[in-house]
Amino acid sequence: MAERGFHVARLPGFATTAIIVFVALYLPIFTLVAYSFNASTSLAVWGGFSLDWYARAWDNQQVKDATLRSLIIASFAAVISTTVATMAALGTTRRRAFKGQTFIYVAINQPLMVPEIVTAVALMIVFGLVKVWLTSIGLGRLTTGLGYLILAHSAFCIPFAYLPIRARLEGMDLTLETAAADLYASPWQTFRRVTLPLLAPGMIAGAMLAFVISLDDVVITEFVKSGGQDTLPTYMLGQMRRQLTPEINAVSTMLLVLTVLLLTAFFLLTRKKT
């Protein structure tokens, strides 16, 4: 009888550990969703089933404004970061290995490797210097607006968009692009008619991932935003410092549903076909 090979799932306590981990991860989320339907004003005492808090959140103008602001910032950040990430991925994968390539990878992925608060403080300082300079040349009106938040989110989201785009490029065979060049297609024609259609799923996946990261961001937004520029996550954080009601649970649940839908689409676009 052949001896069974090693398998981590056969280790003692593996199933128990897995169950504990999943409970620790998902029980708070399920509790949040359940209590968003609570008829009581208490966050901890169940008072019956109700959709009242969803109706109140829907009628809350501050929630609407913060949601719209979040969607605008996330949409622009996704487009900008995906465009930059695509150019970076093309420049680092569609050529022979070169000196400094590893350094470029590190530079692109830098926001993933340092604490987010470090990036937030750095962006705050840079934008502060820009605002001082603009004020000194008489362009003080340009020191406010969503542009700074959009640029900050775009910079932070570039590595998140870069990863699926680079992975898609590395999995693409150069044969079709070489054949197009042999048929006298220009580099632009080859890119537009061959590379881009094949790369599109990776770009869409990168854009959706960047959108979700921007939509959920709190730290960078808190450091960069001006007065009256609360996004949905920072609005929720501000409400937690005041009176807490299940309305926050309802808003959180809606944000959770949107995030899950986008991540599901990201998974379907990036999974390998068998």
Protein backbone atom coordinates (compact mmCIF):
# COMPACT_ATOMS: atom_id res chain seq x y z
CA MET A 1 0.00 0.00 0.00
CA ALA A 2 1.48 3.32 -1.08
CA GLU A 3 2.12 5.82 1.67
CA ARG A 4 0.01 8.93 1.43
CA GLY A 5 1.91 12.12 0.64
CA PHE A 6 1.97 15.16 2.87
CA HIS A 7 -1.09 17.39 2.72
CA VAL A 8 -1.59 20.42 4.94
CA ALA A 9 -5.32 19.70 5.25
CA ARG A 10 -4.50 16.43 7.06
CA LEU A 11 -2.60 18.17 9.85
CA PRO A 12 -4.22 17.91 13.30
CA GLY A 13 -6.36 20.92 14.09
CA PHE A 14 -6.39 22.23 10.52
CA ALA A 15 -10.19 22.13 10.16
CA THR A 16 -10.73 23.70 13.59
CA THR A 17 -8.28 26.51 12.84
CA ALA A 18 -9.91 27.15 9.46
CA ILE A 19 -13.36 27.38 11.05
CA ILE A 20 -12.13 29.79 13.74
CA VAL A 21 -10.50 32.01 11.12
CA PHE A 22 -13.60 32.12 8.93
CA VAL A 23 -15.84 32.87 11.92
CA ALA A 24 -13.51 35.68 13.05
CA LEU A 25 -13.50 37.13 9.53
CA TYR A 26 -17.17 36.90 8.58
CA LEU A 27 -19.19 36.90 11.83
CA PRO A 28 -18.72 40.68 12.33
CA ILE A 29 -19.79 41.30 8.72
CA PHE A 30 -22.89 39.11 9.03
CA THR A 31 -23.72 40.82 12.31
CA LEU A 32 -23.39 44.24 10.66
CA VAL A 33 -25.72 43.23 7.83
CA ALA A 34 -28.26 41.67 10.20
CA TYR A 35 -28.40 44.71 12.49
CA SER A 36 -28.85 47.05 9.54
CA PHE A 37 -32.43 45.71 9.53
CA ASN A 38 -32.88 46.43 13.25
CA ALA A 39 -36.01 48.42 14.14
CA SER A 40 -34.40 49.65 17.35
CA THR A 41 -32.15 52.71 17.60
CA SER A 42 -29.66 50.60 19.55
CA LEU A 43 -26.70 48.99 17.81
CA ALA A 44 -26.66 46.07 20.24
CA VAL A 45 -30.33 45.38 21.10
CA TRP A 46 -32.52 43.70 18.49
CA GLY A 47 -35.91 45.41 18.18
CA GLY A 48 -37.42 43.57 15.25
CA PHE A 49 -37.07 43.61 11.47
CA SER A 50 -37.34 46.93 9.67
CA LEU A 51 -36.16 48.68 6.51
CA ASP A 52 -36.53 52.08 8.15
CA TRP A 53 -32.79 52.75 8.41
CA TYR A 54 -32.31 52.09 4.70
CA ALA A 55 -35.10 54.58 3.97
CA ARG A 56 -33.49 57.15 6.27
CA ALA A 57 -30.09 56.63 4.65
CA TRP A 58 -31.68 57.04 1.23
CA ASP A 59 -33.30 60.33 2.30
CA ASN A 60 -30.16 61.62 4.04
CA GLN A 61 -28.74 64.39 1.86
CA GLN A 62 -25.32 64.15 3.52
CA VAL A 63 -25.13 60.47 2.64
CA LYS A 64 -26.14 61.23 -0.95
CA ASP A 65 -23.54 63.98 -1.29
CA ALA A 66 -20.79 61.86 0.24
CA THR A 67 -21.72 58.88 -1.95
CA LEU A 68 -21.73 60.97 -5.13
CA ARG A 69 -18.39 62.51 -4.16
CA SER A 70 -16.92 59.05 -3.51
CA LEU A 71 -18.15 57.74 -6.87
CA ILE A 72 -16.74 60.74 -8.74
CA ILE A 73 -13.33 60.45 -7.07
CA ALA A 74 -13.19 56.66 -7.49
CA SER A 75 -14.21 56.85 -11.17
CA PHE A 76 -11.58 59.42 -12.08
CA ALA A 77 -8.95 57.66 -9.98
CA ALA A 78 -9.72 54.35 -11.67
CA VAL A 79 -9.39 55.83 -15.17
CA ILE A 80 -6.20 57.76 -14.42
CA SER A 81 -4.47 54.97 -12.49
CA THR A 82 -5.42 52.35 -15.10
CA THR A 83 -4.06 54.50 -17.92
CA VAL A 84 -0.75 55.09 -16.12
CA ALA A 85 -0.54 51.44 -15.02
CA THR A 86 -1.13 50.23 -18.59
CA MET A 87 1.71 52.36 -19.92
CA ALA A 88 3.96 51.18 -17.10
CA ALA A 89 3.06 47.54 -17.70
CA LEU A 90 3.72 47.84 -21.43
CA GLY A 91 7.06 49.51 -20.76
CA THR A 92 8.20 46.82 -18.32
CA THR A 93 6.92 43.65 -20.02
CA ARG A 94 6.93 44.24 -23.78
CA ARG A 95 10.72 44.56 -24.05
CA ARG A 96 13.88 42.70 -23.16
CA ALA A 97 15.18 42.71 -19.60
CA PHE A 98 17.18 45.85 -18.82
CA LYS A 99 19.25 47.25 -15.98
CA GLY A 100 17.16 48.84 -13.30
CA GLN A 101 14.06 46.80 -14.11
CA THR A 102 13.77 45.53 -10.55
CA PHE A 103 14.06 49.06 -9.21
CA ILE A 104 11.22 50.16 -11.49
CA TYR A 105 9.02 47.31 -10.21
CA VAL A 106 9.78 48.40 -6.65
CA ALA A 107 9.03 52.04 -7.46
CA ILE A 108 5.68 51.20 -9.08
CA ASN A 109 4.61 48.96 -6.21
CA GLN A 110 5.91 51.29 -3.48
CA PRO A 111 2.44 52.18 -2.07
CA LEU A 112 1.86 48.47 -1.44
CA MET A 113 5.01 48.12 0.64
CA VAL A 114 4.84 51.10 2.98
CA PRO A 115 2.15 51.97 5.53
CA GLU A 116 -0.67 53.89 3.93
CA ILE A 117 -0.34 56.67 6.47
CA VAL A 118 3.21 57.35 5.22
CA THR A 119 1.88 57.83 1.69
CA ALA A 120 -0.91 60.01 3.07
CA VAL A 121 1.49 62.30 4.97
CA ALA A 122 3.77 62.55 1.92
CA LEU A 123 0.86 63.52 -0.33
CA MET A 124 -0.39 66.05 2.22
CA ILE A 125 3.05 67.72 2.32
CA VAL A 126 3.39 67.80 -1.48
CA PHE A 127 -0.09 69.23 -2.00
CA GLY A 128 0.56 71.73 0.79
CA LEU A 129 3.64 72.99 -1.04
CA VAL A 130 1.67 73.17 -4.29
CA LYS A 131 -1.10 75.19 -2.62
CA VAL A 132 1.40 77.61 -1.10
CA TRP A 133 3.02 78.13 -4.50
CA LEU A 134 -0.33 78.63 -6.23
CA THR A 135 -1.33 81.18 -3.61
CA SER A 136 1.97 83.05 -4.07
CA ILE A 137 1.35 83.51 -7.79
CA GLY A 138 -2.23 84.66 -7.35
CA LEU A 139 -3.99 81.37 -8.10
CA GLY A 140 -5.41 80.80 -4.65
CA ARG A 141 -8.73 79.70 -6.15
CA LEU A 142 -6.97 76.52 -7.32
CA THR A 143 -6.06 75.46 -3.78
CA THR A 144 -9.42 73.79 -3.19
CA GLY A 145 -11.50 71.29 -5.10
CA LEU A 146 -11.66 67.54 -5.65
CA GLY A 147 -8.64 67.57 -7.95
CA TYR A 148 -6.23 66.98 -5.07
CA LEU A 149 -8.22 64.01 -3.80
CA ILE A 150 -8.46 62.57 -7.31
CA LEU A 151 -4.69 62.89 -7.83
CA ALA A 152 -3.97 61.40 -4.40
CA HIS A 153 -6.25 58.42 -4.97
CA SER A 154 -4.89 57.93 -8.49
CA ALA A 155 -1.31 57.80 -7.24
CA PHE A 156 -2.22 55.33 -4.51
CA CYS A 157 -4.24 53.09 -6.88
CA ILE A 158 -1.62 52.77 -9.63
CA PRO A 159 0.05 49.61 -8.22
CA PHE A 160 -3.34 47.97 -7.65
CA ALA A 161 -4.23 48.52 -11.31
CA TYR A 162 -0.72 47.57 -12.43
CA LEU A 163 -0.75 44.06 -10.97
CA PRO A 164 -3.60 42.51 -13.04
CA ILE A 165 -2.55 44.41 -16.18
CA ARG A 166 1.04 43.19 -15.92
CA ALA A 167 -0.17 39.65 -15.18
CA ARG A 168 -2.36 39.76 -18.29
CA LEU A 169 0.51 41.01 -20.46
CA GLU A 170 2.88 38.34 -19.16
CA GLY A 171 0.32 35.69 -20.09
CA MET A 172 -0.11 36.99 -23.64
CA ASP A 173 1.83 35.34 -26.44
CA LEU A 174 3.87 37.68 -28.63
CA THR A 175 3.10 35.60 -31.72
CA LEU A 176 0.08 37.63 -32.84
CA GLU A 177 1.88 40.93 -32.37
CA THR A 178 4.90 39.60 -34.28
CA ALA A 179 2.63 38.37 -37.08
CA ALA A 180 0.97 41.79 -37.30
CA ALA A 181 4.40 43.44 -37.62
CA ASP A 182 5.35 40.93 -40.33
CA LEU A 183 2.23 42.01 -42.21
CA TYR A 184 3.49 45.62 -42.17
CA ALA A 185 1.20 46.86 -39.41
CA SER A 186 2.53 49.95 -37.69
CA PRO A 187 3.23 49.81 -33.92
CA TRP A 188 0.06 51.81 -33.29
CA GLN A 189 -2.05 49.52 -35.50
CA THR A 190 -0.61 46.48 -33.76
CA PHE A 191 -1.40 47.91 -30.37
CA ARG A 192 -4.91 49.05 -31.29
CA ARG A 193 -6.02 45.94 -33.19
CA VAL A 194 -4.06 43.16 -31.45
CA THR A 195 -2.58 44.10 -28.08
CA LEU A 196 -5.41 46.27 -26.75
CA PRO A 197 -8.27 43.79 -27.37
CA LEU A 198 -6.27 41.02 -25.69
CA LEU A 199 -5.27 43.32 -22.83
CA ALA A 200 -8.78 44.72 -22.27
CA PRO A 201 -9.86 42.16 -19.61
CA GLY A 202 -6.77 42.96 -17.54
CA MET A 203 -7.36 46.69 -17.90
CA ILE A 204 -10.99 46.35 -16.85
CA ALA A 205 -9.99 44.21 -13.88
CA GLY A 206 -7.33 46.74 -12.88
CA ALA A 207 -9.80 49.61 -13.18
CA MET A 208 -12.37 47.83 -11.02
CA LEU A 209 -9.77 46.99 -8.39
CA ALA A 210 -8.56 50.61 -8.36
CA PHE A 211 -12.18 51.80 -8.12
CA VAL A 212 -12.83 49.61 -5.06
CA ILE A 213 -9.59 50.68 -3.36
CA SER A 214 -10.40 54.36 -3.93
CA LEU A 215 -14.02 53.95 -2.87
CA ASP A 216 -13.03 52.38 0.46
CA ASP A 217 -10.07 54.64 1.28
CA VAL A 218 -10.10 56.58 4.54
CA VAL A 219 -6.52 57.39 5.56
CA ILE A 220 -5.38 59.27 2.44
CA THR A 221 -8.73 61.04 2.16
CA GLU A 222 -8.55 62.25 5.76
CA PHE A 223 -5.09 63.76 5.22
CA VAL A 224 -5.73 65.35 1.81
CA LYS A 225 -9.37 66.51 1.81
CA SER A 226 -10.46 70.07 2.46
CA GLY A 227 -13.49 71.17 4.47
CA GLY A 228 -16.79 69.90 3.09
CA GLN A 229 -15.15 67.14 1.03
CA ASP A 230 -16.20 64.11 3.03
CA THR A 231 -16.39 60.88 1.09
CA LEU A 232 -18.73 58.11 2.19
CA PRO A 233 -16.09 56.31 4.34
CA THR A 234 -14.96 59.54 6.04
CA TYR A 235 -18.59 60.57 6.58
CA MET A 236 -19.22 57.23 8.29
CA LEU A 237 -16.10 57.70 10.41
CA GLY A 238 -17.35 61.13 11.46
CA GLN A 239 -20.75 59.73 12.39
CA MET A 240 -19.11 57.14 14.64
CA ARG A 241 -17.72 60.02 16.72
CA ARG A 242 -21.26 61.26 17.28
CA GLN A 243 -24.47 59.36 17.99
CA LEU A 244 -24.38 55.89 16.50
CA THR A 245 -27.53 54.49 14.92
CA PRO A 246 -28.24 51.50 12.65
CA GLU A 247 -28.25 53.97 9.75
CA ILE A 248 -24.48 53.52 9.69
CA ASN A 249 -25.05 49.75 9.43
CA ALA A 250 -27.39 50.31 6.48
CA VAL A 251 -24.89 52.55 4.68
CA SER A 252 -22.09 50.07 5.41
CA THR A 253 -24.18 47.21 4.04
CA MET A 254 -24.87 49.07 0.80
CA LEU A 255 -21.16 49.86 0.44
CA LEU A 256 -20.38 46.20 1.15
CA VAL A 257 -22.78 45.01 -1.55
CA LEU A 258 -21.23 47.36 -4.12
CA THR A 259 -17.73 46.20 -3.19
CA VAL A 260 -18.67 42.52 -3.39
CA LEU A 261 -20.26 43.00 -6.82
CA LEU A 262 -17.16 44.73 -8.17
CA LEU A 263 -14.78 42.14 -6.69
CA THR A 264 -16.92 39.32 -8.12
CA ALA A 265 -16.68 40.91 -11.56
CA PHE A 266 -12.91 41.30 -11.03
CA PHE A 267 -12.63 37.58 -10.21
CA LEU A 268 -14.67 36.54 -13.24
CA LEU A 269 -12.55 38.68 -15.55
CA THR A 270 -9.18 37.50 -14.21
CA ARG A 271 -9.81 33.78 -13.67
CA LYS A 272 -8.14 31.44 -16.13
CA LYS A 273 -10.33 29.57 -18.54
CA THR A 274 -10.01 25.81 -18.37
